[in-house]
Amino acid sequence: MAIRRSGPSGRYLTEAEESEILRRVRAGENSLSIAQAVGRPRRLVYVVLKRSGGFSPRARTRSPLRLSLAEREEISRGLRSGSSCRAIARGLHRAPSSVSREVRRCGGGPHYRAWAADAAALELARRPKRTKLATSPRLRAAVSRLLLLEWSPQQISRRLVREYPTEEAMRVSAETIYRALYVQTRGSLRKELHRHLRTQRQRRHPKLRTAALGIHDMVPISERPAEASDRAVPGHWEGDLLLGTGGHSAIGTLVERRTRYTMLFRLAAGRSAPAVRDALTKRIQTLPAQLRRSLTWDQGKEMAEHVRFSVESGVQVYFCDPRSPWQRGSNENTNGLLRQYFPKTFDLSNTTQAQLDAVARRLNGRPRHTLDWKTPAEALAEVVR
């Protein structure tokens, strides 16, 4: 593998090492374990992440129209045996001009070496194409203007289609905007514009894979009963944790899918899997049997003991797909409403269950458009009757 990048210590990283670093980042490993695994200093891992923005490089593919290494080996052997370029081309089923240009480009017959010719061809094939944002000042200005308004890349991408419906030159994908902000070599947007993203991140932060979270025997949301998906029957719930300042404290939130009725529960023992299972079981068992049908949760590690929870409560847990918060949209919306009472800077560790119940009563007493302006409490009482 060709060596192409050097780190601050003067040591070099190969393409294979850089790909391995990015693969391990996507798997959720920390920088120390990655550095130990690839045998490189930890600071080189940071160099790779800063330069790549957290994106993996696209895999290079060789066009079948180009000579392969095996074909170059045949050319080298043919030249050593005294064959002409035309004869070699005939054996390779290539045009004679392709072989003659190849030999001439590499210094002629006596100096031709297959491995050196192949490495030189791969290097010449690196033609970094300028991105659409880099070549279009008008598009770049429009994207920068909307980023300054705290618009997300997806909002910008979709809005430009509406504002310029007939101009293909004013179209850009959200992924292209993220790459322009995060990847050093694509610096077509001002570096400081990343501060106007919601997360203010300077690079992409991949989420942990399910295997790394230690959740086993998950039942996917695709197997959830149809009555839960179409909200036809009450008793199907969506759940999540609402985190306090610094993620050091949390409360549990439950939302009934049909009526949007909300229940909150305190996590006095923390948000470990056993603590969440115990608190969630006690809270859900306060409901009548007809309102305990299913629970939908994301793939957070706090639900690692979901099997034991189902045995103790009789409620089957279904897990959303990774990075799919819309699959439990009622709960996501409710958590947003709860931020009015519990901002992200609020320490939830000292919140009592009585306070949580009071906030839940407030939410359940608000009329909802989706309920034809009935309150969740009224909707729940109606379906129970």
Protein backbone atom coordinates (compact mmCIF):
# COMPACT_ATOMS: atom_id res chain seq x y z
CA MET A 1 0.00 0.00 0.00
CA ALA A 2 1.38 3.38 -0.97
CA ILE A 3 2.37 5.78 1.79
CA ARG A 4 0.70 9.12 1.28
CA ARG A 5 0.32 11.13 4.50
CA SER A 6 2.63 12.09 7.30
CA GLY A 7 1.82 13.06 10.84
CA PRO A 8 3.33 15.79 13.04
CA SER A 9 5.98 13.43 14.36
CA GLY A 10 7.37 12.74 10.90
CA ARG A 11 5.93 9.21 10.87
CA TYR A 12 3.79 8.14 7.96
CA LEU A 13 0.26 6.77 7.71
CA THR A 14 -0.69 4.41 4.92
CA GLU A 15 -4.13 4.39 3.31
CA ALA A 16 -4.83 1.09 5.07
CA GLU A 17 -4.00 2.59 8.48
CA GLU A 18 -6.15 5.64 7.87
CA SER A 19 -9.07 3.47 6.72
CA GLU A 20 -8.68 1.30 9.81
CA ILE A 21 -8.71 4.36 12.07
CA LEU A 22 -11.92 5.64 10.49
CA ARG A 23 -13.51 2.18 10.61
CA ARG A 24 -12.82 1.94 14.33
CA VAL A 25 -14.18 5.46 14.89
CA ARG A 26 -17.43 4.46 13.20
CA ALA A 27 -17.56 1.39 15.46
CA GLY A 28 -17.50 3.67 18.50
CA GLU A 29 -13.96 3.04 19.79
CA ASN A 30 -12.13 5.80 21.65
CA SER A 31 -8.95 7.40 20.36
CA LEU A 32 -6.65 5.64 22.86
CA SER A 33 -7.79 2.12 21.90
CA ILE A 34 -7.59 3.03 18.19
CA ALA A 35 -4.03 4.29 18.56
CA GLN A 36 -3.03 1.11 20.38
CA ALA A 37 -4.70 -1.09 17.76
CA VAL A 38 -2.96 0.52 14.76
CA GLY A 39 0.33 1.05 16.59
CA ARG A 40 0.43 4.79 16.02
CA PRO A 41 0.59 7.78 18.41
CA ARG A 42 -2.73 9.02 19.67
CA ARG A 43 -2.15 12.46 18.16
CA LEU A 44 -2.07 10.90 14.68
CA VAL A 45 -5.61 9.64 15.26
CA TYR A 46 -6.66 13.24 15.94
CA VAL A 47 -4.85 14.37 12.78
CA VAL A 48 -6.83 11.87 10.70
CA LEU A 49 -10.15 12.89 12.29
CA LYS A 50 -9.44 16.59 11.82
CA ARG A 51 -8.41 16.17 8.19
CA SER A 52 -11.25 13.81 7.25
CA GLY A 53 -13.98 15.46 9.31
CA GLY A 54 -15.02 11.97 10.48
CA PHE A 55 -15.87 10.86 6.95
CA SER A 56 -14.42 7.67 5.50
CA PRO A 57 -12.62 8.12 2.19
CA ARG A 58 -14.44 6.69 -0.78
CA ALA A 59 -13.01 3.39 -1.94
CA ARG A 60 -10.97 3.72 -5.11
CA THR A 61 -11.99 1.53 -8.02
CA ARG A 62 -10.05 0.79 -11.18
CA SER A 63 -11.85 1.32 -14.47
CA PRO A 64 -11.88 -1.77 -16.72
CA LEU A 65 -10.79 0.54 -19.54
CA ARG A 66 -7.43 1.04 -17.80
CA LEU A 67 -4.56 -1.43 -17.74
CA SER A 68 -4.48 -3.65 -14.67
CA LEU A 69 -1.40 -4.70 -12.73
CA ALA A 70 -1.64 -8.20 -14.26
CA GLU A 71 -1.67 -6.71 -17.76
CA ARG A 72 1.34 -4.57 -16.94
CA GLU A 73 3.12 -7.71 -15.76
CA GLU A 74 2.39 -9.28 -19.17
CA ILE A 75 3.79 -6.18 -20.88
CA SER A 76 6.94 -6.37 -18.76
CA ARG A 77 7.45 -10.06 -19.55
CA GLY A 78 6.78 -9.47 -23.24
CA LEU A 79 9.33 -6.67 -23.42
CA ARG A 80 11.96 -8.81 -21.70
CA SER A 81 11.37 -11.59 -24.21
CA GLY A 82 11.78 -9.16 -27.13
CA SER A 83 8.14 -9.09 -28.29
CA SER A 84 6.87 -6.01 -30.09
CA CYS A 85 4.19 -3.74 -28.63
CA ARG A 86 1.80 -4.91 -31.32
CA ALA A 87 2.32 -8.57 -30.39
CA ILE A 88 1.90 -7.84 -26.70
CA ALA A 89 -1.29 -5.87 -27.40
CA ARG A 90 -2.68 -8.74 -29.44
CA GLY A 91 -2.15 -11.15 -26.54
CA LEU A 92 -3.87 -8.70 -24.14
CA HIS A 93 -6.70 -7.90 -26.57
CA ARG A 94 -5.76 -4.26 -26.30
CA ALA A 95 -5.11 -1.61 -28.91
CA PRO A 96 -1.42 -1.44 -29.95
CA SER A 97 -1.44 2.30 -29.21
CA SER A 98 -2.46 1.63 -25.58
CA VAL A 99 0.57 -0.58 -25.03
CA SER A 100 3.01 1.66 -26.89
CA ARG A 101 1.87 4.76 -24.94
CA GLU A 102 2.18 2.84 -21.69
CA VAL A 103 5.76 1.79 -22.47
CA ARG A 104 6.77 5.22 -23.73
CA ARG A 105 5.28 6.95 -20.66
CA CYS A 106 7.40 4.78 -18.37
CA GLY A 107 10.77 5.44 -20.02
CA GLY A 108 10.77 2.84 -22.80
CA GLY A 109 11.26 -0.91 -22.96
CA PRO A 110 14.58 -1.29 -21.06
CA HIS A 111 13.29 0.77 -18.12
CA TYR A 112 9.71 -0.57 -17.90
CA ARG A 113 8.75 -2.11 -14.53
CA ALA A 114 5.17 -3.28 -13.97
CA TRP A 115 4.86 -2.34 -10.27
CA ALA A 116 6.36 1.14 -10.82
CA ALA A 117 4.15 1.73 -13.86
CA ASP A 118 1.03 0.69 -11.94
CA ALA A 119 1.87 2.89 -8.94
CA ALA A 120 2.54 5.86 -11.26
CA ALA A 121 -0.77 5.29 -13.07
CA LEU A 122 -2.70 5.23 -9.79
CA GLU A 123 -1.04 8.46 -8.70
CA LEU A 124 -1.80 10.15 -12.02
CA ALA A 125 -5.42 9.04 -11.73
CA ARG A 126 -5.81 11.20 -8.63
CA ARG A 127 -7.63 14.12 -10.11
CA PRO A 128 -9.29 15.92 -7.19
CA LYS A 129 -12.41 17.36 -8.77
CA ARG A 130 -13.46 20.71 -7.41
CA THR A 131 -16.76 20.51 -5.61
CA LYS A 132 -19.92 22.23 -6.74
CA LEU A 133 -19.71 24.70 -3.86
CA ALA A 134 -16.11 25.55 -4.74
CA THR A 135 -16.91 26.27 -8.40
CA SER A 136 -20.14 28.23 -7.86
CA PRO A 137 -19.75 31.51 -5.91
CA ARG A 138 -23.50 32.16 -6.19
CA LEU A 139 -24.44 28.79 -4.68
CA ARG A 140 -21.74 29.15 -2.01
CA ALA A 141 -23.09 32.58 -1.03
CA ALA A 142 -26.65 31.25 -0.76
CA VAL A 143 -25.58 28.34 1.44
CA SER A 144 -23.43 30.59 3.65
CA ARG A 145 -26.30 33.06 4.06
CA LEU A 146 -28.70 30.37 5.26
CA LEU A 147 -26.10 28.77 7.54
CA LEU A 148 -25.71 32.14 9.26
CA LEU A 149 -29.45 31.98 9.96
CA GLU A 150 -28.86 28.66 11.83
CA TRP A 151 -30.56 26.61 9.10
CA SER A 152 -29.57 22.94 8.95
CA PRO A 153 -27.92 21.58 5.77
CA GLN A 154 -31.05 19.54 5.05
CA GLN A 155 -33.27 22.61 5.35
CA ILE A 156 -30.94 24.53 3.04
CA SER A 157 -30.88 21.74 0.47
CA ARG A 158 -34.67 21.45 0.34
CA ARG A 159 -35.26 25.21 0.42
CA LEU A 160 -32.96 25.90 -2.53
CA VAL A 161 -35.08 23.56 -4.65
CA ARG A 162 -38.15 25.68 -3.85
CA GLU A 163 -36.41 29.02 -4.36
CA TYR A 164 -34.70 28.03 -7.63
CA PRO A 165 -37.01 25.39 -9.17
CA THR A 166 -35.58 25.72 -12.69
CA GLU A 167 -31.88 26.19 -11.88
CA GLU A 168 -29.94 22.95 -11.52
CA ALA A 169 -26.83 24.96 -10.70
CA MET A 170 -28.46 26.03 -7.41
CA ARG A 171 -29.01 22.48 -6.12
CA VAL A 172 -26.76 20.97 -3.48
CA SER A 173 -27.21 17.99 -1.17
CA ALA A 174 -27.05 18.18 2.62
CA GLU A 175 -24.15 15.72 2.57
CA THR A 176 -22.13 18.03 0.31
CA ILE A 177 -22.66 20.91 2.74
CA TYR A 178 -21.56 18.78 5.70
CA ARG A 179 -18.43 17.67 3.84
CA ALA A 180 -17.60 21.28 2.91
CA LEU A 181 -17.85 22.23 6.59
CA TYR A 182 -16.07 19.24 8.10
CA VAL A 183 -13.41 18.05 5.65
CA GLN A 184 -10.25 20.16 5.56
CA THR A 185 -9.47 19.51 1.91
CA ARG A 186 -12.93 20.72 0.87
CA GLY A 187 -12.75 24.11 2.54
CA SER A 188 -15.11 25.85 0.12
CA LEU A 189 -17.18 27.22 3.03
CA ARG A 190 -15.75 29.43 5.74
CA LYS A 191 -14.39 27.31 8.57
CA GLU A 192 -16.25 29.19 11.29
CA LEU A 193 -19.66 28.45 9.72
CA HIS A 194 -19.80 25.12 11.54
CA ARG A 195 -20.52 27.14 14.70
CA HIS A 196 -23.96 27.92 13.27
CA LEU A 197 -24.93 24.25 13.14
CA ARG A 198 -27.16 23.08 15.95
CA THR A 199 -24.41 20.86 17.40
CA GLN A 200 -21.53 23.27 16.55
CA ARG A 201 -19.38 20.23 15.79
CA GLN A 202 -16.20 20.45 13.75
CA ARG A 203 -16.42 16.87 12.51
CA ARG A 204 -18.90 14.06 12.18
CA HIS A 205 -19.45 12.01 15.33
CA PRO A 206 -20.65 8.50 14.43
CA LYS A 207 -22.99 6.82 16.87
CA LEU A 208 -22.19 3.54 18.56
CA ARG A 209 -23.37 0.43 16.80
CA THR A 210 -25.95 -1.76 18.48
CA ALA A 211 -23.45 -4.53 19.11
CA ALA A 212 -21.30 -2.14 21.11
CA LEU A 213 -24.25 -1.27 23.35
CA GLY A 214 -24.69 -4.80 24.65
CA ILE A 215 -28.42 -5.09 23.82
CA HIS A 216 -29.42 -8.64 22.94
CA ASP A 217 -32.62 -10.33 21.75
CA MET A 218 -34.12 -7.10 20.46
CA VAL A 219 -37.51 -7.26 18.74
CA PRO A 220 -37.50 -4.73 15.87
CA ILE A 221 -40.25 -2.20 15.37
CA SER A 222 -41.16 -3.90 12.10
CA GLU A 223 -42.70 -6.71 14.20
CA ARG A 224 -44.85 -4.35 16.24
CA PRO A 225 -48.61 -5.10 15.91
CA ALA A 226 -50.54 -3.14 13.29
CA GLU A 227 -52.91 -1.87 15.98
CA ALA A 228 -49.94 -0.07 17.57
CA SER A 229 -48.65 1.37 14.32
CA ASP A 230 -52.00 2.86 13.26
CA ARG A 231 -52.87 4.03 16.80
CA ALA A 232 -56.18 2.16 16.64
CA VAL A 233 -56.02 0.69 20.15
CA PRO A 234 -54.86 2.44 23.34
CA GLY A 235 -52.17 0.94 25.52
CA HIS A 236 -49.18 1.15 23.19
CA TRP A 237 -46.48 3.44 24.62
CA GLU A 238 -43.31 5.18 23.48
CA GLY A 239 -40.51 5.77 25.98
CA ASP A 240 -37.19 7.55 26.37
CA LEU A 241 -34.96 9.30 28.87
CA LEU A 242 -34.83 13.07 29.26
CA LEU A 243 -31.32 14.09 30.30
CA GLY A 244 -30.33 16.92 32.60
CA THR A 245 -27.24 19.10 32.61
CA GLY A 246 -24.16 17.35 31.29
CA GLY A 247 -26.07 14.09 30.91
CA HIS A 248 -25.43 13.31 34.59
CA SER A 249 -29.09 13.10 35.60
CA ALA A 250 -32.23 11.89 33.87
CA ILE A 251 -35.94 11.16 34.16
CA GLY A 252 -38.04 8.64 32.27
CA THR A 253 -40.81 9.68 29.89
CA LEU A 254 -43.72 7.59 28.58
CA VAL A 255 -46.28 8.70 25.97
CA GLU A 256 -49.36 6.73 24.97
CA ARG A 257 -49.50 6.62 21.17
CA ARG A 258 -53.24 7.08 20.60
CA THR A 259 -54.06 9.72 23.21
CA ARG A 260 -50.59 11.34 23.73
CA TYR A 261 -51.10 10.86 27.46
CA THR A 262 -47.78 11.44 29.26
CA MET A 263 -46.31 9.77 32.32
CA LEU A 264 -42.99 10.72 33.94
CA PHE A 265 -40.96 8.68 36.40
CA ARG A 266 -37.97 9.48 38.59
CA LEU A 267 -34.66 7.63 38.28
CA ALA A 268 -33.42 7.94 41.85
CA ALA A 269 -30.77 5.23 41.36
CA GLY A 270 -29.35 6.63 38.12
CA ARG A 271 -29.89 5.63 34.52
CA SER A 272 -28.11 2.29 34.40
CA ALA A 273 -30.00 -0.60 32.81
CA PRO A 274 -31.05 -2.19 36.15
CA ALA A 275 -32.16 1.19 37.57
CA VAL A 276 -34.23 2.01 34.49
CA ARG A 277 -35.78 -1.45 34.40
CA ASP A 278 -36.79 -1.26 38.06
CA ALA A 279 -38.27 2.28 37.85
CA LEU A 280 -40.01 1.60 34.53
CA THR A 281 -41.56 -1.63 35.81
CA LYS A 282 -42.97 0.06 38.91
CA ARG A 283 -44.39 2.94 36.88
CA ILE A 284 -45.99 0.89 34.12
CA GLN A 285 -47.59 -1.51 36.60
CA THR A 286 -49.69 1.38 37.95
CA LEU A 287 -51.70 1.19 34.71
CA PRO A 288 -54.73 -1.06 34.20
CA ALA A 289 -54.07 -4.22 32.16
CA GLN A 290 -55.83 -2.92 29.04
CA LEU A 291 -53.36 -0.01 28.88
CA ARG A 292 -50.25 -2.23 29.05
CA ARG A 293 -49.86 -3.62 25.53
CA SER A 294 -46.44 -2.61 24.19
CA LEU A 295 -43.55 -0.20 24.61
CA THR A 296 -41.40 1.28 21.82
CA TRP A 297 -37.90 2.51 22.72
CA ASP A 298 -34.72 3.51 20.91
CA GLN A 299 -31.58 1.39 21.06
CA GLY A 300 -30.15 3.09 24.12
CA LYS A 301 -28.08 0.96 26.48
CA GLU A 302 -30.43 1.80 29.36
CA MET A 303 -32.80 -0.85 27.92
CA ALA A 304 -30.25 -3.67 28.03
CA GLU A 305 -32.51 -5.49 30.54
CA HIS A 306 -35.63 -5.27 28.36
CA VAL A 307 -36.20 -9.05 28.46
CA ARG A 308 -36.45 -9.08 32.24
CA PHE A 309 -38.68 -5.98 32.11
CA SER A 310 -41.08 -7.77 29.75
CA VAL A 311 -41.21 -10.79 32.04
CA GLU A 312 -41.91 -8.67 35.12
CA SER A 313 -44.40 -6.25 33.53
CA GLY A 314 -45.96 -8.31 30.75
CA VAL A 315 -45.22 -5.52 28.27
CA GLN A 316 -43.37 -6.40 25.05
CA VAL A 317 -40.61 -3.94 24.08
CA TYR A 318 -40.02 -3.05 20.41
CA PHE A 319 -36.86 -1.25 19.34
CA CYS A 320 -36.63 1.50 16.73
CA ASP A 321 -34.15 1.29 13.89
CA PRO A 322 -30.81 3.04 14.48
CA ARG A 323 -30.90 6.82 14.00
CA SER A 324 -34.68 6.81 13.42
CA PRO A 325 -36.23 9.05 16.11
CA TRP A 326 -39.33 9.64 13.96
CA GLN A 327 -40.38 6.05 14.70
CA ARG A 328 -41.30 7.24 18.18
CA GLY A 329 -42.34 10.73 17.15
CA SER A 330 -44.95 11.27 19.86
CA ASN A 331 -42.31 10.77 22.53
CA GLU A 332 -39.79 12.98 20.74
CA ASN A 333 -42.37 15.78 20.50
CA THR A 334 -43.30 15.41 24.16
CA ASN A 335 -39.66 15.56 25.23
CA GLY A 336 -39.40 18.84 23.34
CA LEU A 337 -42.42 20.17 25.25
CA LEU A 338 -40.87 19.05 28.54
CA ARG A 339 -37.85 21.26 27.92
CA GLN A 340 -40.09 24.20 28.83
CA TYR A 341 -40.09 22.83 32.37
CA PHE A 342 -36.73 21.03 32.39
CA PRO A 343 -34.13 22.91 30.30
CA LYS A 344 -30.95 21.12 29.29
CA THR A 345 -29.09 23.03 32.00
CA PHE A 346 -31.48 21.75 34.68
CA ASP A 347 -30.22 19.21 37.24
CA LEU A 348 -32.88 16.49 37.35
CA SER A 349 -31.33 14.53 40.22
CA ASN A 350 -33.19 16.52 42.87
CA THR A 351 -36.58 16.43 41.14
CA THR A 352 -39.25 14.62 43.15
CA GLN A 353 -41.91 12.32 41.76
CA ALA A 354 -44.55 14.79 42.95
CA GLN A 355 -42.96 17.51 40.79
CA LEU A 356 -42.86 15.17 37.81
CA ASP A 357 -46.51 14.28 38.28
CA ALA A 358 -47.41 17.97 38.41
CA VAL A 359 -45.64 18.65 35.11
CA ALA A 360 -47.31 15.60 33.53
CA ARG A 361 -50.72 16.91 34.62
CA ARG A 362 -49.98 20.21 32.93
CA LEU A 363 -49.10 18.49 29.65
CA ASN A 364 -52.09 16.16 29.86
CA GLY A 365 -54.33 19.17 30.41
CA ARG A 366 -53.25 20.97 27.23
CA PRO A 367 -55.60 20.68 24.23
CA ARG A 368 -53.93 19.12 21.16
CA HIS A 369 -54.59 19.79 17.49
CA THR A 370 -54.01 16.12 16.68
CA LEU A 371 -56.77 15.19 19.18
CA ASP A 372 -59.26 17.64 17.65
CA TRP A 373 -58.42 20.02 20.51
CA LYS A 374 -59.24 17.57 23.24
CA THR A 375 -56.69 17.18 26.03
CA PRO A 376 -54.75 13.91 26.39
CA ALA A 377 -56.46 13.34 29.75
CA GLU A 378 -59.90 13.69 28.11
CA ALA A 379 -58.88 11.44 25.21
CA LEU A 380 -57.61 8.74 27.57
CA ALA A 381 -60.74 8.87 29.73
CA GLU A 382 -62.86 8.56 26.60
CA VAL A 383 -61.12 5.45 25.24
CA VAL A 384 -61.06 3.81 28.68
CA ARG A 385 -64.81 4.30 29.01
